[in-house]
Amino acid sequence: MTEPKLTETTNDKLAQGVVGPGTFGAVPPPFFLARPAANDNRNPLKPKKVAIIGTQPSSRMVAPFNDPEWTIWGTSPGNMNILPRIDAWFEMHVNLLWPEYRMYGEPYIDWVNKNQWPVIAIDQRFFPRAITYPIKEILQHFGKPQPYFFTSTFAYAMAYAIFVGVEEMALYGVDMSSKDEYILQRSGGHHFICVADDRGIKVTIPPESDLAQPPPLYGYCDMTPYGRKSAARERETQERMQQLEAQIGQMQQQLVYLKGALENQQYMRQVYGSVDQYAFNGFANDNGSPWQAAG
C-alpha cells in the first residue's frame, strides 16, 4: 500500500476521490457573478487582463471572478463545478481515459463538452469544439530555448497569454508546491513569469501562493545559519525515522510470532478442548480420547 503524500498533487486527490467530480456542489457562491457584467463581446482568447486558475485551495477562490475587466481561464478536472465564472478552458492532457484516470476523466470530459466556453486542447479527440493549441507558432515565437519550459498546463497557458498580447496576467490556485510538481513543473512557471516581466506584462501572484518564492541559490544557501540548521534538522529527522523503522521491523516480527502462537492455541482449544471433560466423566482412555485406538 502506498504511503499518503504530505503534499499531494491534484491527480493524487482526483484518483482518491478527494477532489473533483461529485465532491463539490455545482452552484457557485452567491457573491460571485455567474458571467461578466460587461465586456461580453471581448474575445476570451485575446484578453487584456487574464487570470489563470489552478486547483490549489489556498488562493483559487480569491481570483477576480466578479471583476468584468478580467478574463478567467480555467484548467484541470479538479476545478470541475468549482469556479463561479469561466471564460475559456485549457486542457492539455490526452490521458484522461487511461484506466488509472478514467474514474474522473469520463465525467470531466462530459462536463467540459456540455459547456459553451472556448476550449484549447492538443487536439479534438475529447472535445470536438476544441481549438488546437498553436504549439508550432508559439515555439517559433519564443525561440529555441523554450521547449525546456513547457512543463505544465500553466506554462502552456502563460505562453499563450504572452503570445496573444495580454497586458496583465494573474495566477491563482497555482502553487506547484508538491514534491513531484516542484521538480518537474515549477521551473516552467518561473520561466514564463520572467518572460512576461521582461516584456512589460504585469504578473500578479497572490500572497497565499508559493509560486513567487524563488528556489535557493545553489551553494550560497548552505552559507547561511538557516541553511545549515535546515540541513542538520533534516538529517536528524531521517535518523529518527530510521530508528523507528527498525523498531517497527522488530515489532512486526514479534507480531508475526504472536499471530502464529494464537493460531496454534486456537487450534488446540478447538481440537483438544474435549479432553478434560471426557476424563472427568470417566470416559477417556489413557490417551485422553473417548475412543479406543484400533490395533
Protein backbone atom coordinates (compact mmCIF):
# COMPACT_ATOMS: atom_id res chain seq x y z
CA MET A 1 0.00 0.00 0.00
CA THR A 2 1.38 3.42 -0.99
CA GLU A 3 2.07 5.87 1.80
CA PRO A 4 -0.01 9.07 1.60
CA LYS A 5 1.95 12.11 0.43
CA LEU A 6 2.44 15.12 2.64
CA THR A 7 1.86 17.38 -0.38
CA GLU A 8 -0.32 15.53 -2.86
CA THR A 9 -0.83 16.54 -6.46
CA THR A 10 -4.29 17.17 -7.85
CA ASN A 11 -4.05 13.88 -9.77
CA ASP A 12 -3.43 12.07 -6.46
CA LYS A 13 -6.51 13.66 -4.94
CA LEU A 14 -8.64 13.03 -8.03
CA ALA A 15 -7.64 9.37 -8.05
CA GLN A 16 -8.63 9.12 -4.38
CA GLY A 17 -11.90 10.94 -4.96
CA VAL A 18 -10.84 13.69 -2.55
CA VAL A 19 -11.47 16.47 -5.07
CA GLY A 20 -13.12 16.68 -8.44
CA PRO A 21 -16.36 15.45 -9.99
CA GLY A 22 -19.06 14.80 -7.44
CA THR A 23 -17.18 16.14 -4.41
CA PHE A 24 -18.29 19.77 -4.63
CA GLY A 25 -21.60 21.41 -5.35
CA ALA A 26 -22.30 22.71 -8.82
CA VAL A 27 -23.77 26.01 -7.56
CA PRO A 28 -21.21 28.80 -7.12
CA PRO A 29 -21.22 31.09 -4.07
CA PRO A 30 -23.87 33.79 -4.45
CA PHE A 31 -21.45 36.71 -4.03
CA PHE A 32 -19.76 35.91 -7.37
CA LEU A 33 -21.12 36.89 -10.74
CA ALA A 34 -22.03 33.92 -12.91
CA ARG A 35 -20.93 35.83 -16.01
CA PRO A 36 -19.02 39.06 -16.66
CA ALA A 37 -21.13 42.17 -16.09
CA ALA A 38 -19.57 43.97 -19.05
CA ASN A 39 -17.25 43.47 -21.98
CA ASP A 40 -19.19 40.37 -23.02
CA ASN A 41 -18.19 40.97 -26.63
CA ARG A 42 -14.48 40.67 -25.97
CA ASN A 43 -12.57 37.70 -27.34
CA PRO A 44 -11.85 35.46 -24.31
CA LEU A 45 -8.78 34.08 -26.06
CA LYS A 46 -7.26 37.53 -26.67
CA PRO A 47 -7.80 39.35 -23.39
CA LYS A 48 -6.05 42.36 -21.96
CA LYS A 49 -6.13 41.01 -18.42
CA VAL A 50 -6.28 37.26 -17.78
CA ALA A 51 -6.45 35.24 -14.56
CA ILE A 52 -5.29 31.64 -14.95
CA ILE A 53 -6.88 29.43 -12.30
CA GLY A 54 -5.33 26.27 -10.82
CA THR A 55 -6.65 23.95 -8.14
CA GLN A 56 -4.75 24.97 -5.00
CA PRO A 57 -7.45 25.88 -2.42
CA SER A 58 -5.32 28.50 -0.66
CA SER A 59 -5.64 31.02 -3.48
CA ARG A 60 -8.04 29.60 -6.09
CA MET A 61 -11.16 31.39 -4.88
CA VAL A 62 -9.54 34.81 -4.35
CA ALA A 63 -9.31 35.26 -8.13
CA PRO A 64 -11.20 38.26 -9.58
CA PHE A 65 -14.29 36.33 -10.68
CA ASN A 66 -16.54 39.33 -10.01
CA ASP A 67 -14.37 41.84 -11.86
CA PRO A 68 -15.53 42.12 -15.50
CA GLU A 69 -12.20 43.59 -16.57
CA TRP A 70 -10.57 40.21 -16.00
CA THR A 71 -10.92 37.19 -18.30
CA ILE A 72 -10.94 33.87 -16.46
CA TRP A 73 -9.06 30.87 -17.89
CA GLY A 74 -9.83 27.63 -16.08
CA THR A 75 -7.81 24.41 -16.02
CA SER A 76 -7.84 20.87 -14.57
CA PRO A 77 -10.52 18.31 -13.67
CA GLY A 78 -10.02 19.47 -10.07
CA ASN A 79 -11.84 22.70 -10.95
CA MET A 80 -14.93 20.99 -12.32
CA ASN A 81 -18.08 22.60 -10.84
CA ILE A 82 -15.91 24.83 -8.67
CA LEU A 83 -15.18 28.08 -10.49
CA PRO A 84 -18.08 30.57 -10.43
CA ARG A 85 -17.06 32.08 -13.77
CA ILE A 86 -15.20 30.61 -16.75
CA ASP A 87 -14.43 32.45 -20.00
CA ALA A 88 -12.15 29.83 -21.59
CA TRP A 89 -10.63 26.48 -20.65
CA PHE A 90 -7.19 24.95 -21.18
CA GLU A 91 -6.88 21.14 -21.18
CA MET A 92 -3.54 19.78 -22.38
CA HIS A 93 -3.91 16.16 -21.24
CA VAL A 94 -4.61 13.23 -23.58
CA ASN A 95 -4.50 10.57 -20.85
CA LEU A 96 -7.94 11.25 -19.37
CA LEU A 97 -9.30 7.84 -20.41
CA TRP A 98 -6.33 5.78 -19.31
CA PRO A 99 -7.56 3.14 -16.84
CA GLU A 100 -5.98 4.88 -13.85
CA TYR A 101 -7.66 8.21 -14.69
CA ARG A 102 -10.97 7.09 -16.23
CA MET A 103 -12.85 7.39 -12.92
CA TYR A 104 -12.71 11.18 -13.08
CA GLY A 105 -11.74 11.57 -16.75
CA GLU A 106 -15.07 10.44 -18.19
CA PRO A 107 -17.32 12.77 -16.15
CA TYR A 108 -14.84 15.59 -16.66
CA ILE A 109 -14.89 15.21 -20.46
CA ASP A 110 -18.69 15.11 -20.40
CA TRP A 111 -18.82 18.26 -18.24
CA VAL A 112 -16.47 20.23 -20.50
CA ASN A 113 -18.45 19.24 -23.59
CA LYS A 114 -21.73 20.38 -22.03
CA ASN A 115 -20.41 23.92 -21.56
CA GLN A 116 -20.14 26.59 -24.24
CA TRP A 117 -16.94 28.49 -23.44
CA PRO A 118 -13.93 28.03 -25.77
CA VAL A 119 -11.59 25.13 -25.09
CA ILE A 120 -7.93 24.97 -26.05
CA ALA A 121 -6.50 21.46 -26.25
CA ILE A 122 -3.82 19.47 -28.05
CA ASP A 123 -6.45 18.14 -30.48
CA GLN A 124 -10.15 17.32 -30.76
CA ARG A 125 -10.12 13.72 -29.53
CA PHE A 126 -12.12 14.53 -26.37
CA PHE A 127 -13.56 17.96 -27.16
CA PRO A 128 -14.95 18.32 -30.71
CA ARG A 129 -15.19 22.11 -30.43
CA ALA A 130 -11.62 22.49 -29.10
CA ILE A 131 -9.22 24.95 -30.68
CA THR A 132 -5.89 23.27 -31.34
CA TYR A 133 -3.08 24.76 -29.26
CA PRO A 134 -0.74 26.54 -31.73
CA ILE A 135 2.39 24.80 -30.50
CA LYS A 136 4.48 25.35 -33.65
CA GLU A 137 3.73 29.06 -33.81
CA ILE A 138 4.40 29.52 -30.11
CA LEU A 139 7.69 27.62 -30.20
CA GLN A 140 8.80 29.77 -33.14
CA HIS A 141 7.62 32.92 -31.36
CA PHE A 142 9.65 32.29 -28.22
CA GLY A 143 12.75 30.82 -29.83
CA LYS A 144 14.87 27.70 -29.50
CA PRO A 145 15.36 27.50 -25.67
CA GLN A 146 11.65 27.42 -24.96
CA PRO A 147 10.90 23.65 -25.25
CA TYR A 148 12.70 23.20 -21.93
CA PHE A 149 9.95 25.12 -20.13
CA PHE A 150 6.61 23.70 -21.32
CA THR A 151 6.30 21.65 -18.16
CA SER A 152 2.63 22.12 -17.20
CA THR A 153 -0.75 23.32 -18.38
CA PHE A 154 0.01 26.63 -16.66
CA ALA A 155 3.19 27.04 -18.67
CA TYR A 156 1.21 26.46 -21.88
CA ALA A 157 -1.47 28.93 -20.76
CA MET A 158 1.08 31.59 -19.76
CA ALA A 159 2.95 31.20 -23.05
CA TYR A 160 -0.33 31.52 -24.94
CA ALA A 161 -1.27 34.63 -22.98
CA ILE A 162 2.08 36.26 -23.79
CA PHE A 163 1.74 35.15 -27.42
CA VAL A 164 -1.67 36.82 -27.89
CA GLY A 165 -0.50 40.04 -26.24
CA VAL A 166 -2.03 40.28 -22.76
CA GLU A 167 -1.21 43.37 -20.76
CA GLU A 168 -1.66 41.79 -17.34
CA MET A 169 -1.65 38.21 -16.10
CA ALA A 170 -2.51 36.74 -12.70
CA LEU A 171 -2.05 33.21 -11.37
CA TYR A 172 -4.46 31.89 -8.75
CA GLY A 173 -4.56 28.40 -7.30
CA VAL A 174 -1.10 27.72 -8.71
CA ASP A 175 1.46 26.73 -6.07
CA MET A 176 3.37 23.84 -7.65
CA SER A 177 4.34 23.01 -4.08
CA SER A 178 4.15 19.23 -4.12
CA LYS A 179 7.45 17.43 -4.50
CA ASP A 180 6.61 15.97 -7.93
CA GLU A 181 5.32 19.27 -9.28
CA TYR A 182 8.23 21.22 -7.82
CA ILE A 183 10.78 19.04 -9.58
CA LEU A 184 9.01 18.73 -12.93
CA GLN A 185 6.88 21.83 -13.38
CA ARG A 186 7.97 24.75 -11.24
CA SER A 187 10.84 25.89 -13.48
CA GLY A 188 8.47 26.32 -16.44
CA GLY A 189 6.16 28.52 -14.40
CA HIS A 190 9.05 30.66 -13.20
CA HIS A 191 10.42 30.94 -16.72
CA PHE A 192 7.27 32.34 -18.29
CA ILE A 193 6.74 34.67 -15.35
CA CYS A 194 10.19 36.12 -16.14
CA VAL A 195 9.45 36.26 -19.88
CA ALA A 196 6.23 38.17 -19.17
CA ASP A 197 8.03 40.56 -16.85
CA ASP A 198 10.77 41.17 -19.43
CA ARG A 199 8.08 42.10 -21.98
CA GLY A 200 6.41 44.59 -19.68
CA ILE A 201 3.46 42.35 -18.78
CA LYS A 202 2.35 42.81 -15.19
CA VAL A 203 2.23 39.47 -13.36
CA THR A 204 0.21 39.12 -10.15
CA ILE A 205 0.66 36.20 -7.74
CA PRO A 206 -1.41 36.32 -4.54
CA PRO A 207 0.41 36.11 -1.19
CA GLU A 208 -1.44 32.86 -0.46
CA SER A 209 0.56 31.16 -3.25
CA ASP A 210 4.07 29.69 -3.01
CA LEU A 211 4.80 30.24 -6.70
CA ALA A 212 6.55 33.60 -6.29
CA GLN A 213 9.10 32.12 -3.92
CA PRO A 214 12.34 31.59 -5.89
CA PRO A 215 14.46 28.48 -5.31
CA PRO A 216 17.52 28.89 -3.07
CA LEU A 217 20.76 29.92 -4.72
CA TYR A 218 22.78 26.75 -5.11
CA GLY A 219 25.86 26.79 -2.90
CA TYR A 220 25.08 30.13 -1.30
CA CYS A 221 22.06 28.70 0.52
CA ASP A 222 24.39 26.47 2.58
CA MET A 223 26.35 29.50 3.83
CA THR A 224 23.52 30.87 5.95
CA PRO A 225 22.64 29.79 9.52
CA TYR A 226 19.20 28.81 8.26
CA GLY A 227 20.66 26.62 5.53
CA ARG A 228 22.95 24.83 7.99
CA LYS A 229 20.18 24.45 10.57
CA SER A 230 17.77 23.10 7.95
CA ALA A 231 20.28 20.51 6.75
CA ALA A 232 21.05 19.41 10.32
CA ARG A 233 17.36 19.15 11.16
CA GLU A 234 16.70 17.13 8.01
CA ARG A 235 19.48 14.69 8.90
CA GLU A 236 18.19 14.40 12.49
CA THR A 237 14.68 13.65 11.22
CA GLN A 238 15.98 10.97 8.85
CA GLU A 239 17.96 9.30 11.66
CA ARG A 240 14.93 9.24 13.94
CA MET A 241 12.83 7.77 11.12
CA GLN A 242 15.44 5.03 10.60
CA GLN A 243 15.35 4.19 14.31
CA LEU A 244 11.57 3.99 14.29
CA GLU A 245 11.57 1.85 11.14
CA ALA A 246 13.99 -0.58 12.84
CA GLN A 247 11.71 -0.74 15.89
CA ILE A 248 8.68 -1.25 13.67
CA GLY A 249 10.52 -4.13 11.92
CA GLN A 250 11.22 -5.81 15.25
CA MET A 251 7.66 -5.34 16.41
CA GLN A 252 6.34 -6.76 13.13
CA GLN A 253 8.45 -9.89 13.70
CA GLN A 254 7.03 -10.20 17.21
CA LEU A 255 3.54 -9.70 15.85
CA VAL A 256 4.02 -12.49 13.29
CA TYR A 257 5.26 -14.79 16.08
CA LEU A 258 2.28 -13.97 18.30
CA LYS A 259 -0.17 -14.48 15.45
CA GLY A 260 1.29 -17.94 14.93
CA ALA A 261 1.09 -18.69 18.65
CA LEU A 262 -2.53 -17.53 18.75
CA GLU A 263 -3.45 -19.65 15.74
CA ASN A 264 -1.86 -22.68 17.38
CA GLN A 265 -3.66 -22.03 20.67
CA GLN A 266 -6.99 -21.68 18.90
CA TYR A 267 -6.37 -24.97 17.11
CA MET A 268 -5.50 -26.73 20.38
CA ARG A 269 -8.60 -25.38 22.11
CA GLN A 270 -10.90 -26.39 19.25
CA VAL A 271 -9.42 -29.89 18.77
CA TYR A 272 -8.33 -30.90 22.28
CA GLY A 273 -10.79 -28.88 24.34
CA SER A 274 -12.82 -32.05 24.99
CA VAL A 275 -10.00 -33.99 26.72
CA ASP A 276 -10.72 -32.80 30.26
CA GLN A 277 -14.50 -33.22 30.05
CA TYR A 278 -14.23 -36.81 28.90
CA ALA A 279 -11.60 -37.57 31.52
CA PHE A 280 -13.77 -36.01 34.21
CA ASN A 281 -16.71 -38.25 33.25
CA GLY A 282 -14.54 -41.36 33.19
CA PHE A 283 -14.99 -41.94 29.51
CA ALA A 284 -11.49 -41.27 28.36
CA ASN A 285 -8.79 -43.88 27.81
CA ASP A 286 -5.15 -43.45 28.75
CA ASN A 287 -4.64 -41.01 25.84
CA GLY A 288 -7.50 -38.76 26.94
CA SER A 289 -9.65 -39.87 24.00
CA PRO A 290 -13.15 -41.35 24.39
CA TRP A 291 -12.33 -43.80 21.61
CA GLN A 292 -10.22 -46.92 21.78
CA ALA A 293 -7.37 -46.90 19.33
CA ALA A 294 -7.53 -49.68 16.74
CA GLY A 295 -4.90 -52.46 16.58
